Amino acid sequence: MAGIWRDFVVAVITAFRRRDERAIAEDRRRAVERLAEETIRRDRRPIDPPG
């Protein structure tokens, strides 16, 4: 009986950990997309000639 509870607890902890890892990966993906968009926007801006 203790083995069943242990397996249940391990399964619950694993499920939460995977959800957190997915959330972190999603946040990283969005950050990279924002950085790429900012870089593209900056590179497309007209450059003012000096003087």
Protein backbone atom coordinates (compact mmCIF):
# COMPACT_ATOMS: atom_id res chain seq x y z
CA MET A 1 0.00 0.00 0.00
CA ALA A 2 2.85 2.39 0.79
CA GLY A 3 4.26 1.78 -2.70
CA ILE A 4 1.04 3.00 -4.28
CA TRP A 5 1.12 6.25 -2.27
CA ARG A 6 4.80 6.74 -3.05
CA ASP A 7 4.11 6.28 -6.78
CA PHE A 8 1.19 8.71 -6.55
CA VAL A 9 3.27 11.37 -4.82
CA VAL A 10 6.11 10.93 -7.33
CA ALA A 11 3.63 11.24 -10.21
CA VAL A 12 2.13 14.45 -8.78
CA ILE A 13 5.54 16.02 -8.17
CA THR A 14 6.70 15.04 -11.67
CA ALA A 15 3.57 16.54 -13.22
CA PHE A 16 4.13 19.88 -11.45
CA ARG A 17 7.81 19.91 -12.35
CA ARG A 18 7.07 19.30 -16.03
CA ARG A 19 4.46 22.06 -16.05
CA ASP A 20 7.01 24.45 -14.54
CA GLU A 21 9.61 23.41 -17.12
CA ARG A 22 7.11 24.01 -19.93
CA ALA A 23 6.24 27.43 -18.52
CA ILE A 24 9.92 28.36 -18.29
CA ALA A 25 10.54 27.15 -21.84
CA GLU A 26 7.54 29.15 -23.08
CA ASP A 27 8.80 32.29 -21.31
CA ARG A 28 12.22 31.84 -22.89
CA ARG A 29 10.66 31.39 -26.33
CA ARG A 30 8.63 34.58 -25.95
CA ALA A 31 11.71 36.49 -24.76
CA VAL A 32 13.69 35.36 -27.79
CA GLU A 33 10.84 36.37 -30.10
CA ARG A 34 10.66 39.83 -28.49
CA LEU A 35 14.42 40.24 -28.81
CA ALA A 36 14.26 39.23 -32.46
CA GLU A 37 11.42 41.69 -33.14
CA GLU A 38 13.30 44.51 -31.39
CA THR A 39 16.47 43.75 -33.36
CA ILE A 40 14.60 43.70 -36.65
CA ARG A 41 12.79 46.95 -35.81
CA ARG A 42 16.06 48.63 -34.81
CA ASP A 43 17.83 47.49 -37.98
CA ARG A 44 14.99 48.76 -40.17
CA ARG A 45 15.03 52.27 -38.69
CA PRO A 46 16.49 54.86 -41.04
CA ILE A 47 19.96 55.96 -40.07
CA ASP A 48 20.36 59.72 -39.76
CA PRO A 49 23.49 60.90 -41.60
CA PRO A 50 25.88 62.84 -39.38
CA GLY A 51 25.97 66.59 -39.68
